[in-house]
C-alpha atoms as a PDB file:
ATOM      1  CA  MET A   1      60.621  31.752  38.966  1.00  0.00           C
ATOM      2  CA  ARG A   2      60.722  30.755  35.447  1.00  0.00           C
ATOM      3  CA  GLY A   3      59.647  28.220  33.711  1.00  0.00           C
ATOM      4  CA  TYR A   4      57.705  25.473  35.136  1.00  0.00           C
ATOM      5  CA  GLY A   5      59.929  24.805  38.014  1.00  0.00           C
ATOM      6  CA  GLY A   6      57.800  22.729  40.294  1.00  0.00           C
ATOM      7  CA  THR A   7      60.336  21.999  43.067  1.00  0.00           C
ATOM      8  CA  GLU A   8      61.983  25.589  42.957  1.00  0.00           C
ATOM      9  CA  ARG A   9      58.331  27.504  43.692  1.00  0.00           C
ATOM     10  CA  VAL A  10      57.535  25.146  46.292  1.00  0.00           C
ATOM     11  CA  VAL A  11      60.910  25.736  48.222  1.00  0.00           C
ATOM     12  CA  ALA A  12      60.580  29.522  47.564  1.00  0.00           C
ATOM     13  CA  ALA A  13      56.711  29.410  48.791  1.00  0.00           C
ATOM     14  CA  LEU A  14      58.115  26.969  51.903  1.00  0.00           C
ATOM     15  CA  VAL A  15      60.529  29.900  52.847  1.00  0.00           C
ATOM     16  CA  GLN A  16      58.115  32.824  52.451  1.00  0.00           C
ATOM     17  CA  GLY A  17      56.026  30.544  54.638  1.00  0.00           C
ATOM     18  CA  LEU A  18      58.449  29.692  57.278  1.00  0.00           C
ATOM     19  CA  ALA A  19      59.358  33.695  57.162  1.00  0.00           C
ATOM     20  CA  GLU A  20      56.263  34.998  57.978  1.00  0.00           C
ATOM     21  CA  LEU A  21      55.511  32.611  60.839  1.00  0.00           C
ATOM     22  CA  GLY A  22      58.729  34.654  62.166  1.00  0.00           C
ATOM     23  CA  HIS A  23      61.490  31.895  61.533  1.00  0.00           C
ATOM     24  CA  ARG A  24      64.778  32.520  60.650  1.00  0.00           C
ATOM     25  CA  VAL A  25      65.961  30.364  57.240  1.00  0.00           C
ATOM     26  CA  SER A  26      69.239  29.892  55.479  1.00  0.00           C
ATOM     27  CA  LEU A  27      69.061  28.804  51.634  1.00  0.00           C
ATOM     28  CA  LEU A  28      71.948  26.631  50.236  1.00  0.00           C
ATOM     29  CA  ALA A  29      71.633  27.356  46.945  1.00  0.00           C
ATOM     30  CA  PRO A  30      73.445  28.246  43.997  1.00  0.00           C
ATOM     31  CA  ALA A  31      75.301  31.405  43.358  1.00  0.00           C
ATOM     32  CA  GLN A  32      73.032  34.629  42.927  1.00  0.00           C
ATOM     33  CA  THR A  33      69.953  32.950  44.041  1.00  0.00           C
ATOM     34  CA  ASN A  34      68.101  35.639  45.765  1.00  0.00           C
ATOM     35  CA  LEU A  35      64.676  34.888  48.003  1.00  0.00           C
ATOM     36  CA  ALA A  36      62.981  36.980  50.115  1.00  0.00           C
ATOM     37  CA  GLY A  37      62.938  35.735  53.466  1.00  0.00           C
ATOM     38  CA  ALA A  38      66.266  34.081  53.237  1.00  0.00           C
ATOM     39  CA  THR A  39      69.755  34.210  53.963  1.00  0.00           C
ATOM     40  CA  CYS A  40      71.193  33.141  50.836  1.00  0.00           C
ATOM     41  CA  ILE A  41      74.482  30.941  50.801  1.00  0.00           C
ATOM     42  CA  ALA A  42      76.142  30.625  47.482  1.00  0.00           C
ATOM     43  CA  VAL A  43      77.087  26.895  47.064  1.00  0.00           C
ATOM     44  CA  PRO A  44      78.893  25.648  43.445  1.00  0.00           C
ATOM     45  CA  GLU A  45      76.677  23.400  42.401  1.00  0.00           C
ATOM     46  CA  LYS A  46      78.961  20.566  42.129  1.00  0.00           C
ATOM     47  CA  THR A  47      78.809  20.328  45.918  1.00  0.00           C
ATOM     48  CA  LEU A  48      75.180  20.752  46.184  1.00  0.00           C
ATOM     49  CA  LEU A  49      74.720  17.749  44.466  1.00  0.00           C
ATOM     50  CA  GLY A  50      77.777  15.825  45.650  1.00  0.00           C
ATOM     51  CA  PRO A  51      78.524  14.123  49.100  1.00  0.00           C
ATOM     52  CA  MET A  52      76.712  15.725  52.064  1.00  0.00           C
ATOM     53  CA  PRO A  53      79.849  16.139  54.366  1.00  0.00           C
ATOM     54  CA  ALA A  54      81.076  18.808  51.839  1.00  0.00           C
ATOM     55  CA  LEU A  55      77.754  20.764  51.970  1.00  0.00           C
ATOM     56  CA  MET A  56      77.656  20.743  55.490  1.00  0.00           C
ATOM     57  CA  ALA A  57      80.809  23.025  55.784  1.00  0.00           C
ATOM     58  CA  TYR A  58      78.590  25.930  54.243  1.00  0.00           C
ATOM     59  CA  LEU A  59      75.827  25.177  57.227  1.00  0.00           C
ATOM     60  CA  PRO A  60      75.206  28.072  59.418  1.00  0.00           C
ATOM     61  CA  SER A  61      75.935  27.907  63.295  1.00  0.00           C
ATOM     62  CA  GLY A  62      72.930  27.208  65.589  1.00  0.00           C
ATOM     63  CA  VAL A  63      71.246  25.525  62.574  1.00  0.00           C
ATOM     64  CA  ASP A  64      68.254  23.633  63.932  1.00  0.00           C
ATOM     65  CA  VAL A  65      67.059  21.386  61.438  1.00  0.00           C
ATOM     66  CA  VAL A  66      68.168  20.720  57.874  1.00  0.00           C
ATOM     67  CA  HIS A  67      65.562  20.148  55.125  1.00  0.00           C
ATOM     68  CA  GLY A  68      66.779  18.744  51.790  1.00  0.00           C
ATOM     69  CA  HIS A  69      64.719  18.620  48.511  1.00  0.00           C
ATOM     70  CA  TYR A  70      66.385  16.246  46.568  1.00  0.00           C
ATOM     71  CA  SER A  71      67.656  12.465  47.236  1.00  0.00           C
ATOM     72  CA  ILE A  72      70.401  12.218  49.887  1.00  0.00           C
ATOM     73  CA  ALA A  73      71.372   8.625  50.075  1.00  0.00           C
ATOM     74  CA  ARG A  74      73.430   9.383  53.085  1.00  0.00           C
ATOM     75  CA  PRO A  75      72.117  11.928  55.178  1.00  0.00           C
ATOM     76  CA  PRO A  76      74.082  13.627  58.176  1.00  0.00           C
ATOM     77  CA  ASP A  77      74.090  12.295  61.377  1.00  0.00           C
ATOM     78  CA  THR A  78      75.636  15.576  63.337  1.00  0.00           C
ATOM     79  CA  VAL A  79      72.214  17.661  62.800  1.00  0.00           C
ATOM     80  CA  PRO A  80      68.351  16.658  62.491  1.00  0.00           C
ATOM     81  CA  PHE A  81      68.062  16.572  58.749  1.00  0.00           C
ATOM     82  CA  LEU A  82      64.320  15.530  56.375  1.00  0.00           C
ATOM     83  CA  GLN A  83      64.195  15.468  52.926  1.00  0.00           C
ATOM     84  CA  THR A  84      61.332  15.922  50.407  1.00  0.00           C
ATOM     85  CA  LEU A  85      60.532  13.485  47.721  1.00  0.00           C
ATOM     86  CA  HIS A  86      59.184  15.614  44.778  1.00  0.00           C
ATOM     87  CA  GLY A  87      58.917  12.881  42.391  1.00  0.00           C
ATOM     88  CA  ASN A  88      58.605   9.069  42.085  1.00  0.00           C
ATOM     89  CA  HIS A  89      60.941   6.628  42.799  1.00  0.00           C
ATOM     90  CA  ARG A  90      60.936   3.802  40.462  1.00  0.00           C
ATOM     91  CA  SER A  91      58.621   0.676  41.589  1.00  0.00           C
ATOM     92  CA  GLY A  92      60.701  -1.362  44.119  1.00  0.00           C
ATOM     93  CA  ASP A  93      63.355   1.195  45.138  1.00  0.00           C
ATOM     94  CA  SER A  94      62.881   2.126  48.703  1.00  0.00           C
ATOM     95  CA  PRO A  95      63.187   6.221  49.521  1.00  0.00           C
ATOM     96  CA  PRO A  96      66.604   7.288  51.183  1.00  0.00           C
ATOM     97  CA  PRO A  97      65.993   8.059  55.196  1.00  0.00           C
ATOM     98  CA  HIS A  98      63.791  10.639  56.656  1.00  0.00           C
ATOM     99  CA  THR A  99      61.826  11.118  53.638  1.00  0.00           C
ATOM    100  CA  VAL A 100      58.548  13.297  53.450  1.00  0.00           C
ATOM    101  CA  CYS A 101      56.288  12.610  50.914  1.00  0.00           C
ATOM    102  CA  LEU A 102      53.504  15.072  49.016  1.00  0.00           C
ATOM    103  CA  SER A 103      50.625  13.283  49.708  1.00  0.00           C
ATOM    104  CA  PHE A 104      48.788  10.275  51.586  1.00  0.00           C
ATOM    105  CA  ASP A 105      48.644   8.525  48.344  1.00  0.00           C
ATOM    106  CA  HIS A 106      52.741   9.654  47.608  1.00  0.00           C
ATOM    107  CA  ALA A 107      53.788   7.951  50.990  1.00  0.00           C
ATOM    108  CA  ARG A 108      51.829   4.941  51.009  1.00  0.00           C
ATOM    109  CA  ARG A 109      53.012   3.841  47.890  1.00  0.00           C
ATOM    110  CA  HIS A 110      56.591   4.774  48.898  1.00  0.00           C
ATOM    111  CA  GLY A 111      56.234   2.790  52.318  1.00  0.00           C
ATOM    112  CA  VAL A 112      56.757   5.898  54.332  1.00  0.00           C
ATOM    113  CA  THR A 113      53.998   7.358  56.663  1.00  0.00           C
ATOM    114  CA  SER A 114      54.891  11.428  56.403  1.00  0.00           C
ATOM    115  CA  PHE A 115      53.917  13.690  54.167  1.00  0.00           C
ATOM    116  CA  VAL A 116      53.028  17.597  53.915  1.00  0.00           C
ATOM    117  CA  TYR A 117      50.982  18.826  51.152  1.00  0.00           C
ATOM    118  CA  ASN A 118      52.522  21.309  48.585  1.00  0.00           C
ATOM    119  CA  GLY A 119      51.319  24.920  49.124  1.00  0.00           C
ATOM    120  CA  LEU A 120      51.487  28.450  47.385  1.00  0.00           C
ATOM    121  CA  GLU A 121      51.143  32.120  47.841  1.00  0.00           C
ATOM    122  CA  PRO A 122      47.584  32.536  47.323  1.00  0.00           C
ATOM    123  CA  ASN A 123      48.063  36.452  46.338  1.00  0.00           C
ATOM    124  CA  SER A 124      50.397  35.493  43.327  1.00  0.00           C
ATOM    125  CA  PHE A 125      47.200  34.192  41.112  1.00  0.00           C
ATOM    126  CA  THR A 126      44.641  36.197  39.669  1.00  0.00           C
ATOM    127  CA  PHE A 127      41.239  35.259  41.122  1.00  0.00           C
ATOM    128  CA  GLN A 128      38.691  35.891  38.022  1.00  0.00           C
ATOM    129  CA  SER A 129      34.888  34.707  38.898  1.00  0.00           C
ATOM    130  CA  LYS A 130      33.441  35.687  35.221  1.00  0.00           C
ATOM    131  CA  LYS A 131      35.061  32.810  32.934  1.00  0.00           C
ATOM    132  CA  GLU A 132      36.055  32.697  29.366  1.00  0.00           C
ATOM    133  CA  ASP A 133      34.954  30.257  26.562  1.00  0.00           C
ATOM    134  CA  TYR A 134      37.814  27.803  26.643  1.00  0.00           C
ATOM    135  CA  ASP A 135      39.390  25.117  28.490  1.00  0.00           C
ATOM    136  CA  LEU A 136      42.639  25.041  29.686  1.00  0.00           C
ATOM    137  CA  PHE A 137      45.947  21.891  30.168  1.00  0.00           C
ATOM    138  CA  VAL A 138      49.011  23.237  31.414  1.00  0.00           C
ATOM    139  CA  GLY A 139      52.008  20.528  32.137  1.00  0.00           C
ATOM    140  CA  ARG A 140      54.281  18.433  30.082  1.00  0.00           C
ATOM    141  CA  LEU A 141      53.114  16.978  26.901  1.00  0.00           C
ATOM    142  CA  HIS A 142      53.448  13.350  27.776  1.00  0.00           C
ATOM    143  CA  SER A 143      51.127  10.966  27.702  1.00  0.00           C
ATOM    144  CA  ALA A 144      50.812   9.957  31.408  1.00  0.00           C
ATOM    145  CA  LYS A 145      49.624  13.604  31.958  1.00  0.00           C
ATOM    146  CA  GLY A 146      46.659  12.630  29.740  1.00  0.00           C
ATOM    147  CA  TYR A 147      46.675  15.551  27.490  1.00  0.00           C
ATOM    148  CA  ARG A 148      45.576  13.346  24.864  1.00  0.00           C
ATOM    149  CA  TRP A 149      42.231  12.969  26.930  1.00  0.00           C
ATOM    150  CA  ALA A 150      41.732  16.681  26.721  1.00  0.00           C
ATOM    151  CA  ILE A 151      42.564  17.103  22.891  1.00  0.00           C
ATOM    152  CA  ALA A 152      40.419  13.941  22.576  1.00  0.00           C
ATOM    153  CA  ALA A 153      37.363  15.857  24.608  1.00  0.00           C
ATOM    154  CA  ALA A 154      37.478  18.859  22.700  1.00  0.00           C
ATOM    155  CA  LYS A 155      37.082  17.411  19.601  1.00  0.00           C
ATOM    156  CA  ARG A 156      34.305  15.527  20.684  1.00  0.00           C
ATOM    157  CA  THR A 157      32.181  18.208  22.193  1.00  0.00           C
ATOM    158  CA  GLY A 158      33.324  21.497  19.918  1.00  0.00           C
ATOM    159  CA  ARG A 159      34.811  23.307  23.077  1.00  0.00           C
ATOM    160  CA  ARG A 160      37.584  25.295  22.801  1.00  0.00           C
ATOM    161  CA  LEU A 161      40.954  24.200  24.185  1.00  0.00           C
ATOM    162  CA  LEU A 162      44.436  25.963  24.978  1.00  0.00           C
ATOM    163  CA  VAL A 163      47.147  23.539  25.743  1.00  0.00           C
ATOM    164  CA  ALA A 164      50.386  24.758  27.346  1.00  0.00           C
ATOM    165  CA  GLY A 165      53.741  22.568  27.272  1.00  0.00           C
ATOM    166  CA  GLY A 166      57.061  22.320  26.140  1.00  0.00           C
ATOM    167  CA  TRP A 167      56.887  21.529  22.690  1.00  0.00           C
ATOM    168  CA  ARG A 168      54.544  21.841  19.565  1.00  0.00           C
ATOM    169  CA  PRO A 169      52.227  18.983  18.689  1.00  0.00           C
ATOM    170  CA  SER A 170      50.354  19.371  15.782  1.00  0.00           C
ATOM    171  CA  PHE A 171      46.761  20.447  16.565  1.00  0.00           C
ATOM    172  CA  ARG A 172      43.512  21.564  14.184  1.00  0.00           C
ATOM    173  CA  ARG A 173      40.248  23.689  14.521  1.00  0.00           C
ATOM    174  CA  THR A 174      39.122  24.102  18.369  1.00  0.00           C
ATOM    175  CA  VAL A 175      42.617  23.037  19.559  1.00  0.00           C
ATOM    176  CA  ARG A 176      45.250  25.753  20.247  1.00  0.00           C
ATOM    177  CA  TYR A 177      48.596  25.699  21.123  1.00  0.00           C
ATOM    178  CA  VAL A 178      50.335  28.633  23.241  1.00  0.00           C
ATOM    179  CA  GLY A 179      53.140  27.255  24.137  1.00  0.00           C
ATOM    180  CA  GLU A 180      55.359  26.972  27.266  1.00  0.00           C
ATOM    181  CA  VAL A 181      53.887  29.602  29.758  1.00  0.00           C
ATOM    182  CA  ASP A 182      55.307  32.019  32.382  1.00  0.00           C
ATOM    183  CA  GLY A 183      54.093  34.908  34.673  1.00  0.00           C
ATOM    184  CA  ALA A 184      51.272  37.116  33.979  1.00  0.00           C
ATOM    185  CA  ARG A 185      50.690  34.954  30.677  1.00  0.00           C
ATOM    186  CA  LYS A 186      50.271  31.549  32.826  1.00  0.00           C
ATOM    187  CA  ARG A 187      47.957  33.455  35.826  1.00  0.00           C
ATOM    188  CA  ASP A 188      45.592  35.252  33.013  1.00  0.00           C
ATOM    189  CA  LEU A 189      45.259  31.663  31.684  1.00  0.00           C
ATOM    190  CA  PHE A 190      44.592  29.981  34.555  1.00  0.00           C
ATOM    191  CA  ALA A 191      41.771  32.978  35.871  1.00  0.00           C
ATOM    192  CA  GLY A 192      39.942  32.661  32.432  1.00  0.00           C
ATOM    193  CA  ALA A 193      39.575  29.232  31.991  1.00  0.00           C
ATOM    194  CA  ARG A 194      36.382  27.902  32.347  1.00  0.00           C
ATOM    195  CA  CYS A 195      38.210  24.288  33.601  1.00  0.00           C
ATOM    196  CA  LEU A 196      41.419  22.966  34.224  1.00  0.00           C
ATOM    197  CA  TRP A 197      42.155  19.798  32.560  1.00  0.00           C
ATOM    198  CA  MET A 198      44.260  17.162  34.217  1.00  0.00           C
ATOM    199  CA  PRO A 199      43.321  13.459  33.472  1.00  0.00           C
ATOM    200  CA  ALA A 200      46.600  12.112  34.645  1.00  0.00           C
ATOM    201  CA  LEU A 201      47.176   8.447  33.760  1.00  0.00           C
ATOM    202  CA  TRP A 202      49.837   8.309  36.348  1.00  0.00           C
ATOM    203  CA  ASP A 203      50.302   8.379  39.874  1.00  0.00           C
ATOM    204  CA  GLU A 204      50.463  12.204  40.537  1.00  0.00           C
ATOM    205  CA  PRO A 205      52.792  12.833  43.749  1.00  0.00           C
ATOM    206  CA  PHE A 206      50.723  15.981  44.170  1.00  0.00           C
ATOM    207  CA  GLY A 207      50.134  17.915  41.257  1.00  0.00           C
ATOM    208  CA  LEU A 208      50.622  21.568  41.572  1.00  0.00           C
ATOM    209  CA  THR A 209      48.725  22.771  38.808  1.00  0.00           C
ATOM    210  CA  LEU A 210      45.415  21.650  40.543  1.00  0.00           C
ATOM    211  CA  ILE A 211      46.088  24.283  42.940  1.00  0.00           C
ATOM    212  CA  GLU A 212      46.997  27.008  40.469  1.00  0.00           C
ATOM    213  CA  ALA A 213      43.706  26.605  38.993  1.00  0.00           C
ATOM    214  CA  LEU A 214      41.767  26.201  42.468  1.00  0.00           C
ATOM    215  CA  PHE A 215      43.397  29.765  43.620  1.00  0.00           C
ATOM    216  CA  SER A 216      42.367  31.168  40.326  1.00  0.00           C
ATOM    217  CA  GLY A 217      38.929  29.846  40.987  1.00  0.00           C
ATOM    218  CA  THR A 218      38.991  27.700  38.107  1.00  0.00           C
ATOM    219  CA  PRO A 219      37.226  24.169  38.706  1.00  0.00           C
ATOM    220  CA  VAL A 220      39.276  20.830  37.753  1.00  0.00           C
ATOM    221  CA  LEU A 221      38.333  17.401  35.690  1.00  0.00           C
ATOM    222  CA  GLY A 222      40.799  15.051  36.333  1.00  0.00           C
ATOM    223  CA  THR A 223      40.961  11.383  37.246  1.00  0.00           C
ATOM    224  CA  THR A 224      41.371   9.590  40.221  1.00  0.00           C
ATOM    225  CA  ARG A 225      45.030   8.645  40.145  1.00  0.00           C
ATOM    226  CA  GLY A 226      47.654   9.330  42.606  1.00  0.00           C
ATOM    227  CA  ALA A 227      47.136  12.321  45.115  1.00  0.00           C
ATOM    228  CA  LEU A 228      44.110  14.044  42.791  1.00  0.00           C
ATOM    229  CA  PRO A 229      41.099  12.357  44.791  1.00  0.00           C
ATOM    230  CA  GLU A 230      42.841  14.015  48.140  1.00  0.00           C
ATOM    231  CA  ILE A 231      42.855  17.729  46.683  1.00  0.00           C
ATOM    232  CA  ILE A 232      39.925  17.720  44.387  1.00  0.00           C
ATOM    233  CA  THR A 233      36.204  17.356  45.737  1.00  0.00           C
ATOM    234  CA  PRO A 234      32.940  17.679  44.252  1.00  0.00           C
ATOM    235  CA  GLU A 235      32.502  21.180  44.845  1.00  0.00           C
ATOM    236  CA  VAL A 236      35.804  22.394  43.188  1.00  0.00           C
ATOM    237  CA  GLY A 237      35.605  19.747  40.300  1.00  0.00           C
ATOM    238  CA  ALA A 238      35.359  16.242  39.068  1.00  0.00           C
ATOM    239  CA  LEU A 239      37.401  13.125  39.031  1.00  0.00           C
ATOM    240  CA  ARG A 240      36.413  10.034  36.743  1.00  0.00           C
ATOM    241  CA  ASP A 241      38.091   7.155  35.650  1.00  0.00           C
ATOM    242  CA  SER A 242      36.912   7.235  31.686  1.00  0.00           C
ATOM    243  CA  LEU A 243      37.194   9.890  28.813  1.00  0.00           C
ATOM    244  CA  GLU A 244      33.635   9.057  28.266  1.00  0.00           C
ATOM    245  CA  ASP A 245      32.672  10.001  32.028  1.00  0.00           C
ATOM    246  CA  LEU A 246      35.054  12.759  31.899  1.00  0.00           C
ATOM    247  CA  ILE A 247      33.266  14.344  28.982  1.00  0.00           C
ATOM    248  CA  GLU A 248      29.929  14.042  30.655  1.00  0.00           C
ATOM    249  CA  ALA A 249      31.450  15.702  33.561  1.00  0.00           C
ATOM    250  CA  SER A 250      32.456  18.740  31.616  1.00  0.00           C
ATOM    251  CA  SER A 251      29.207  19.717  30.447  1.00  0.00           C
ATOM    252  CA  THR A 252      28.511  20.653  33.811  1.00  0.00           C
ATOM    253  CA  ILE A 253      31.933  22.013  35.511  1.00  0.00           C
ATOM    254  CA  GLU A 254      30.930  25.747  35.371  1.00  0.00           C
ATOM    255  CA  THR A 255      28.307  25.118  37.809  1.00  0.00           C
ATOM    256  CA  ARG A 256      31.119  25.358  40.647  1.00  0.00           C
ATOM    257  CA  SER A 257      31.682  28.474  42.756  1.00  0.00           C
ATOM    258  CA  PRO A 258      35.172  30.365  41.673  1.00  0.00           C
ATOM    259  CA  GLU A 259      34.947  31.641  45.277  1.00  0.00           C
ATOM    260  CA  ALA A 260      34.484  28.001  46.577  1.00  0.00           C
ATOM    261  CA  CYS A 261      37.697  26.793  44.418  1.00  0.00           C
ATOM    262  CA  ARG A 262      39.964  29.683  45.896  1.00  0.00           C
ATOM    263  CA  ALA A 263      38.703  29.057  49.334  1.00  0.00           C
ATOM    264  CA  HIS A 264      39.460  25.436  49.120  1.00  0.00           C
ATOM    265  CA  ALA A 265      42.719  26.239  47.961  1.00  0.00           C
ATOM    266  CA  ALA A 266      43.312  28.458  50.476  1.00  0.00           C
ATOM    267  CA  ARG A 267      42.211  26.655  53.361  1.00  0.00           C
ATOM    268  CA  TYR A 268      44.457  23.570  52.548  1.00  0.00           C
ATOM    269  CA  PHE A 269      46.859  24.732  50.333  1.00  0.00           C
ATOM    270  CA  SER A 270      48.347  27.720  50.819  1.00  0.00           C
ATOM    271  CA  HIS A 271      52.094  28.660  51.739  1.00  0.00           C
ATOM    272  CA  VAL A 272      51.396  29.276  55.273  1.00  0.00           C
ATOM    273  CA  VAL A 273      49.520  25.991  55.921  1.00  0.00           C
ATOM    274  CA  MET A 274      52.328  24.235  54.369  1.00  0.00           C
ATOM    275  CA  ALA A 275      54.664  26.243  56.063  1.00  0.00           C
ATOM    276  CA  GLU A 276      52.804  25.305  59.562  1.00  0.00           C
ATOM    277  CA  GLU A 277      52.750  21.531  58.651  1.00  0.00           C
ATOM    278  CA  TYR A 278      56.848  21.402  57.972  1.00  0.00           C
ATOM    279  CA  VAL A 279      56.785  23.061  61.629  1.00  0.00           C
ATOM    280  CA  ARG A 280      54.970  20.233  63.004  1.00  0.00           C
ATOM    281  CA  VAL A 281      57.634  18.022  61.546  1.00  0.00           C
ATOM    282  CA  TYR A 282      60.400  19.943  62.394  1.00  0.00           C
ATOM    283  CA  ARG A 283      59.504  19.946  66.333  1.00  0.00           C
ATOM    284  CA  HIS A 284      58.471  16.588  65.768  1.00  0.00           C
ATOM    285  CA  LEU A 285      61.800  15.245  64.578  1.00  0.00           C
ATOM    286  CA  LEU A 286      63.494  17.478  67.153  1.00  0.00           C
ATOM    287  CA  ALA A 287      61.575  15.835  69.986  1.00  0.00           C
ATOM    288  CA  ARG A 288      61.871  12.439  68.961  1.00  0.00           C
ATOM    289  CA  GLY A 289      64.313  11.825  65.933  1.00  0.00           C
ATOM    290  CA  GLU A 290      61.692  10.426  64.103  1.00  0.00           C
ATOM    291  CA  LEU A 291      59.263  11.932  61.719  1.00  0.00           C
ATOM    292  CA  PRO A 292      55.514  11.825  62.288  1.00  0.00           C
ATOM    293  CA  PRO A 293      52.833  10.854  60.170  1.00  0.00           C
ATOM    294  CA  GLY A 294      51.054  12.866  57.615  1.00  0.00           C
ATOM    295  CA  ARG A 295      47.691  14.306  58.379  1.00  0.00           C
ATOM    296  CA  PRO A 296      45.152  14.088  55.237  1.00  0.00           C
ATOM    297  CA  THR A 297      42.794  16.400  54.397  1.00  0.00           C
ATOM    298  CA  PRO A 298      39.482  15.469  55.749  1.00  0.00           C
ATOM    299  CA  TYR A 299      37.887  13.652  53.141  1.00  0.00           C
ATOM    300  CA  THR A 300      41.068  11.386  52.133  1.00  0.00           C
ATOM    301  CA  THR A 301      39.854   7.413  52.088  1.00  0.00           C
ATOM    302  CA  THR A 302      42.960   6.484  54.567  1.00  0.00           C
END
């Protein structure tokens, strides 16, 4: 997957996980889509994003359940259907029917109970136990992502910070902009970083870079917004609510074990764990016609 494309990467990981569990998967996608583990069915983009009746014509026979990954206001009533919400709806807006969110907090804020944590394939990341002398920020350079906090911390502490994002700001001295990263370059940055900064100033539905860092053996510094407290424990990172407290926590962040970081991600956020949880959701939907409540990580405050 090129670029950041979080939703596409999660869908690819889910397809892989379902295939490894022995399930047959058909993927309705634009032409030239090729994904191991799935039978890819080419659908015109206009049809993919249009009304469901036109899209239903592309479904293969014998489908057990249809799983959408973008908002569908009027889902079909002729086949069991669910849809994953990968972002945040505007305050006051209700999610469409049969919505699955990405975390307990995400579901709570949208007035639903069903959620499944994202997962990725652990072996697609480079694990490195000996870290290099830099901190890392990866993501959109938007104020809500908190990148300015990471920069402010670097200026105060003198630590080297690498910032990867989609546009070039003006930095000086210890902060280096490395552009939009992908592939091996991105894996190497995650693997070598002393820590990942993710001081989110909005309610993250999940935060895919969190588990990318953990799979790489890299601990995380973040805020307590959104899903972060469900993903990051004191053993693999530190969550604080002010820049000053994060700077203080950063002084000991390297005491976290890289092996513990990767083991934590593998236990709760692998592609197979995600696929197993969606299979539970599918079976509940088929048996009862409704979605089951999500199962939070053991340390989630509910």
